């Protein structure tokens, strides 16, 4: 049985790789929201887009909304459907 010496540099390299891999996995995982309807601010945060971009998506018909009072609400299913079309 051969003896191998593990150095601090080896451990540091392992830690860096492990954290990088975990970061990739966690960034791909986004849990679905509990509520089926999201406010515009929540949609903007989820998609990381601006107010104007969300308005353009709404006006062009790419993303449907329902207006209640002064706020637009968007169905999470519609957002998923739109994102799957663009892939």
C-alpha atoms as a PDB file:
ATOM      1  CA  UNK A   1       0.000   0.000   0.000  1.00  0.00           C
ATOM      2  CA  UNK A   2       1.547   3.287  -1.132  1.00  0.00           C
ATOM      3  CA  UNK A   3       1.590   6.317   1.124  1.00  0.00           C
ATOM      4  CA  UNK A   4       0.608   9.641  -0.416  1.00  0.00           C
ATOM      5  CA  UNK A   5       1.288  13.005   1.150  1.00  0.00           C
ATOM      6  CA  UNK A   6      -1.441  15.626   0.881  1.00  0.00           C
ATOM      7  CA  UNK A   7      -0.179  19.183   0.967  1.00  0.00           C
ATOM      8  CA  UNK A   8      -1.952  22.395   1.877  1.00  0.00           C
ATOM      9  CA  UNK A   9      -1.862  23.359  -1.794  1.00  0.00           C
ATOM     10  CA  UNK A  10      -3.644  20.111  -2.709  1.00  0.00           C
ATOM     11  CA  UNK A  11      -6.348  20.814  -0.156  1.00  0.00           C
ATOM     12  CA  UNK A  12      -6.724  24.405  -1.359  1.00  0.00           C
ATOM     13  CA  UNK A  13      -7.083  23.245  -4.972  1.00  0.00           C
ATOM     14  CA  UNK A  14      -9.679  20.659  -3.898  1.00  0.00           C
ATOM     15  CA  UNK A  15     -11.617  23.309  -1.952  1.00  0.00           C
ATOM     16  CA  UNK A  16     -11.599  25.685  -4.928  1.00  0.00           C
ATOM     17  CA  UNK A  17     -12.866  23.008  -7.309  1.00  0.00           C
ATOM     18  CA  UNK A  18     -15.517  21.827  -4.863  1.00  0.00           C
ATOM     19  CA  UNK A  19     -16.838  25.330  -4.233  1.00  0.00           C
ATOM     20  CA  UNK A  20     -16.886  26.033  -7.970  1.00  0.00           C
ATOM     21  CA  UNK A  21     -18.861  22.870  -8.693  1.00  0.00           C
ATOM     22  CA  UNK A  22     -21.311  23.564  -5.871  1.00  0.00           C
ATOM     23  CA  UNK A  23     -21.784  27.123  -7.113  1.00  0.00           C
ATOM     24  CA  UNK A  24     -22.650  25.855 -10.604  1.00  0.00           C
ATOM     25  CA  UNK A  25     -25.166  23.361  -9.235  1.00  0.00           C
ATOM     26  CA  UNK A  26     -26.847  25.898  -6.968  1.00  0.00           C
ATOM     27  CA  UNK A  27     -27.073  28.546  -9.680  1.00  0.00           C
ATOM     28  CA  UNK A  28     -28.928  26.100 -11.942  1.00  0.00           C
ATOM     29  CA  UNK A  29     -31.442  25.227  -9.235  1.00  0.00           C
ATOM     30  CA  UNK A  30     -34.216  27.773  -8.811  1.00  0.00           C
ATOM     31  CA  UNK A  31     -37.204  26.632  -6.810  1.00  0.00           C
ATOM     32  CA  UNK A  32     -40.628  27.478  -8.146  1.00  0.00           C
ATOM     33  CA  UNK A  33     -42.490  30.137  -6.224  1.00  0.00           C
ATOM     34  CA  UNK A  34     -45.326  28.953  -4.024  1.00  0.00           C
ATOM     35  CA  UNK A  35     -47.798  31.409  -5.491  1.00  0.00           C
ATOM     36  CA  UNK A  36     -49.019  30.918  -9.077  1.00  0.00           C
ATOM     37  CA  UNK A  37     -49.252  34.709  -9.687  1.00  0.00           C
ATOM     38  CA  UNK A  38     -46.303  37.075  -9.386  1.00  0.00           C
ATOM     39  CA  UNK A  39     -46.179  40.867  -9.262  1.00  0.00           C
ATOM     40  CA  UNK A  40     -44.146  42.748 -11.834  1.00  0.00           C
ATOM     41  CA  UNK A  41     -41.364  43.466  -9.350  1.00  0.00           C
ATOM     42  CA  UNK A  42     -41.046  39.760  -8.573  1.00  0.00           C
ATOM     43  CA  UNK A  43     -40.939  38.899 -12.279  1.00  0.00           C
ATOM     44  CA  UNK A  44     -38.253  41.516 -12.906  1.00  0.00           C
ATOM     45  CA  UNK A  45     -36.155  40.118 -10.072  1.00  0.00           C
ATOM     46  CA  UNK A  46     -36.685  36.513 -11.231  1.00  0.00           C
ATOM     47  CA  UNK A  47     -35.730  37.249 -14.851  1.00  0.00           C
ATOM     48  CA  UNK A  48     -33.195  39.951 -13.959  1.00  0.00           C
ATOM     49  CA  UNK A  49     -34.720  42.435 -16.388  1.00  0.00           C
ATOM     50  CA  UNK A  50     -35.644  46.111 -16.251  1.00  0.00           C
ATOM     51  CA  UNK A  51     -39.058  47.750 -16.021  1.00  0.00           C
ATOM     52  CA  UNK A  52     -38.897  48.660 -19.703  1.00  0.00           C
ATOM     53  CA  UNK A  53     -38.048  45.132 -20.798  1.00  0.00           C
ATOM     54  CA  UNK A  54     -40.961  43.711 -18.837  1.00  0.00           C
ATOM     55  CA  UNK A  55     -43.249  46.296 -20.398  1.00  0.00           C
ATOM     56  CA  UNK A  56     -41.966  45.389 -23.866  1.00  0.00           C
ATOM     57  CA  UNK A  57     -42.638  41.697 -23.213  1.00  0.00           C
ATOM     58  CA  UNK A  58     -46.165  42.557 -22.063  1.00  0.00           C
ATOM     59  CA  UNK A  59     -46.960  44.912 -24.969  1.00  0.00           C
ATOM     60  CA  UNK A  60     -45.553  42.541 -27.611  1.00  0.00           C
ATOM     61  CA  UNK A  61     -47.733  39.737 -26.243  1.00  0.00           C
ATOM     62  CA  UNK A  62     -44.810  37.517 -25.301  1.00  0.00           C
ATOM     63  CA  UNK A  63     -45.879  37.583 -21.647  1.00  0.00           C
ATOM     64  CA  UNK A  64     -49.503  37.955 -20.667  1.00  0.00           C
ATOM     65  CA  UNK A  65     -50.559  39.821 -17.566  1.00  0.00           C
ATOM     66  CA  UNK A  66     -53.678  40.638 -15.612  1.00  0.00           C
ATOM     67  CA  UNK A  67     -54.060  44.084 -14.156  1.00  0.00           C
ATOM     68  CA  UNK A  68     -55.649  44.326 -10.729  1.00  0.00           C
ATOM     69  CA  UNK A  69     -55.894  47.821  -9.366  1.00  0.00           C
ATOM     70  CA  UNK A  70     -52.698  49.473 -10.544  1.00  0.00           C
ATOM     71  CA  UNK A  71     -50.503  46.370 -10.547  1.00  0.00           C
ATOM     72  CA  UNK A  72     -49.811  43.826 -13.268  1.00  0.00           C
ATOM     73  CA  UNK A  73     -49.743  40.177 -12.247  1.00  0.00           C
ATOM     74  CA  UNK A  74     -48.090  37.402 -14.245  1.00  0.00           C
ATOM     75  CA  UNK A  75     -48.647  33.659 -14.120  1.00  0.00           C
ATOM     76  CA  UNK A  76     -45.538  31.667 -13.311  1.00  0.00           C
ATOM     77  CA  UNK A  77     -46.564  29.059 -15.920  1.00  0.00           C
ATOM     78  CA  UNK A  78     -46.575  31.754 -18.620  1.00  0.00           C
ATOM     79  CA  UNK A  79     -43.089  32.876 -17.605  1.00  0.00           C
ATOM     80  CA  UNK A  80     -41.801  29.285 -17.795  1.00  0.00           C
ATOM     81  CA  UNK A  81     -43.480  28.790 -21.188  1.00  0.00           C
ATOM     82  CA  UNK A  82     -41.920  31.991 -22.561  1.00  0.00           C
ATOM     83  CA  UNK A  83     -38.460  31.022 -21.302  1.00  0.00           C
ATOM     84  CA  UNK A  84     -38.716  27.519 -22.799  1.00  0.00           C
ATOM     85  CA  UNK A  85     -39.620  29.000 -26.205  1.00  0.00           C
ATOM     86  CA  UNK A  86     -36.435  31.080 -26.261  1.00  0.00           C
ATOM     87  CA  UNK A  87     -34.118  28.142 -25.486  1.00  0.00           C
END
